[in-house]
Amino acid sequence: MTATLTTREIAQARRVSLSTAQRWARTGKLDAIKVGGRWVITSSADLTAFKPVQVDKARELIEQGGIVPTSRTALFLAVSTDGSANYLVDQAEHSCTCKAGARGIPCYHLAAADIIVAA
């Protein structure tokens, strides 16, 4: 299963401007194609460990800007669905501080981090 992102989602997730994300797509820094006048970025993330609903929630989290990178490589800050809690997602260690992640269950926060890193 692969995930596709827009330049706006990449810009939010990577904390750059929309024009920077569009330039990355134009210059080949992102695996992107133009569809209907808009850039579509394909993430090469291996999402087989996640359920389709988790991938959908991960895309929604990215789209809403609910996951952002920290100053440490592969470490992200994610917001809970209801906005009441923040979680640390370590994409390199494949862990998350949410309830599911604490039990060793792959969560959608981790799926979102995988999508962002692979894009």
Protein backbone atom coordinates (compact mmCIF):
# COMPACT_ATOMS: atom_id res chain seq x y z
CA MET A 1 0.00 0.00 0.00
CA THR A 2 1.33 3.43 -0.89
CA ALA A 3 0.18 6.85 0.15
CA THR A 4 -0.06 10.01 -1.88
CA LEU A 5 0.36 13.52 -0.55
CA THR A 6 -0.10 17.02 -1.88
CA THR A 7 2.59 19.69 -1.84
CA ARG A 8 0.54 21.48 0.83
CA GLU A 9 0.67 18.41 3.07
CA ILE A 10 4.41 18.01 2.50
CA ALA A 11 4.92 21.71 3.27
CA GLN A 12 2.99 21.43 6.54
CA ALA A 13 4.69 18.20 7.57
CA ARG A 14 8.20 19.41 6.77
CA ARG A 15 7.58 22.96 8.07
CA VAL A 16 8.47 24.67 4.80
CA SER A 17 6.55 27.04 2.57
CA LEU A 18 4.20 25.76 -0.11
CA SER A 19 6.44 27.23 -2.80
CA THR A 20 9.41 25.28 -1.41
CA ALA A 21 7.43 22.02 -1.54
CA GLN A 22 6.34 22.85 -5.10
CA ARG A 23 9.96 23.56 -6.06
CA TRP A 24 11.01 20.21 -4.57
CA ALA A 25 8.36 18.50 -6.72
CA ARG A 26 9.41 20.43 -9.84
CA THR A 27 13.11 19.69 -9.39
CA GLY A 28 12.67 16.00 -8.57
CA LYS A 29 13.56 16.16 -4.87
CA LEU A 30 10.14 14.60 -4.27
CA ASP A 31 8.73 11.66 -6.23
CA ALA A 32 5.92 13.72 -7.74
CA ILE A 33 3.77 13.93 -10.84
CA LYS A 34 1.32 16.58 -11.96
CA VAL A 35 -2.30 15.51 -12.02
CA GLY A 36 -4.91 18.03 -13.10
CA GLY A 37 -2.47 20.89 -12.63
CA ARG A 38 -1.53 19.83 -9.07
CA TRP A 39 1.49 17.99 -7.77
CA VAL A 40 0.87 14.55 -6.28
CA ILE A 41 3.70 13.03 -4.26
CA THR A 42 3.93 9.28 -3.83
CA SER A 43 5.38 8.08 -0.57
CA SER A 44 7.40 4.88 -0.77
CA ALA A 45 6.62 4.04 2.86
CA ASP A 46 6.01 0.38 3.66
CA LEU A 47 2.54 0.59 5.17
CA THR A 48 1.77 -3.15 5.23
CA ALA A 49 1.87 -3.18 9.06
CA PHE A 50 -1.03 -0.71 9.17
CA LYS A 51 -4.73 -1.19 8.55
CA PRO A 52 -6.27 0.89 5.73
CA VAL A 53 -8.22 2.95 8.29
CA GLN A 54 -4.93 3.79 10.05
CA VAL A 55 -3.41 4.95 6.77
CA ASP A 56 -6.47 7.14 6.17
CA LYS A 57 -6.17 8.62 9.68
CA ALA A 58 -2.45 9.17 9.10
CA ARG A 59 -3.17 11.10 5.89
CA GLU A 60 -5.76 13.17 7.75
CA LEU A 61 -3.25 13.88 10.53
CA ILE A 62 -0.71 15.08 7.96
CA GLU A 63 -3.32 17.12 6.08
CA GLN A 64 -4.39 18.90 9.27
CA GLY A 65 -0.81 19.62 10.32
CA GLY A 66 -1.20 17.41 13.38
CA ILE A 67 2.28 15.91 13.08
CA VAL A 68 5.47 17.93 12.85
CA PRO A 69 9.16 17.08 12.94
CA THR A 70 11.25 18.05 15.93
CA SER A 71 14.86 19.17 15.83
CA ARG A 72 15.96 15.52 16.16
CA THR A 73 16.06 13.38 13.05
CA ALA A 74 13.12 10.95 12.73
CA LEU A 75 11.42 12.30 15.88
CA PHE A 76 7.97 13.84 15.46
CA LEU A 77 5.39 15.49 17.67
CA ALA A 78 1.83 14.32 16.98
CA VAL A 79 -1.49 15.54 18.34
CA SER A 80 -4.23 13.17 19.48
CA THR A 81 -7.47 12.94 17.53
CA ASP A 82 -9.33 15.14 20.02
CA GLY A 83 -6.41 17.54 20.43
CA SER A 84 -6.07 16.91 24.15
CA ALA A 85 -2.68 15.17 24.14
CA ASN A 86 0.66 15.26 22.35
CA TYR A 87 2.72 12.19 21.54
CA LEU A 88 6.34 11.65 20.60
CA VAL A 89 6.76 9.47 17.55
CA ASP A 90 10.19 7.99 16.93
CA GLN A 91 10.12 6.85 13.33
CA ALA A 92 13.61 5.34 13.52
CA GLU A 93 12.74 3.24 16.60
CA HIS A 94 9.21 2.63 15.30
CA SER A 95 7.63 3.72 18.57
CA CYS A 96 4.99 6.17 19.78
CA THR A 97 3.99 7.34 23.25
CA CYS A 98 0.24 7.01 22.56
CA LYS A 99 -1.73 4.21 24.25
CA ALA A 100 -1.50 1.87 21.25
CA GLY A 101 2.18 2.59 20.75
CA ALA A 102 2.91 1.96 24.43
CA ARG A 103 1.44 -1.52 23.95
CA GLY A 104 3.61 -2.11 20.87
CA ILE A 105 0.72 -1.79 18.44
CA PRO A 106 1.44 0.13 15.22
CA CYS A 107 -0.56 3.37 15.45
CA TYR A 108 -1.62 5.92 12.86
CA HIS A 109 0.83 8.46 14.31
CA LEU A 110 3.63 6.12 13.33
CA ALA A 111 2.08 5.57 9.90
CA ALA A 112 2.04 9.35 9.38
CA ALA A 113 5.72 9.62 10.38
CA ASP A 114 6.61 6.78 7.99
CA ILE A 115 4.75 8.50 5.15
CA ILE A 116 6.48 11.82 5.79
CA VAL A 117 9.97 10.33 6.04
CA ALA A 118 9.50 8.21 2.91
CA ALA A 119 8.23 11.21 0.93
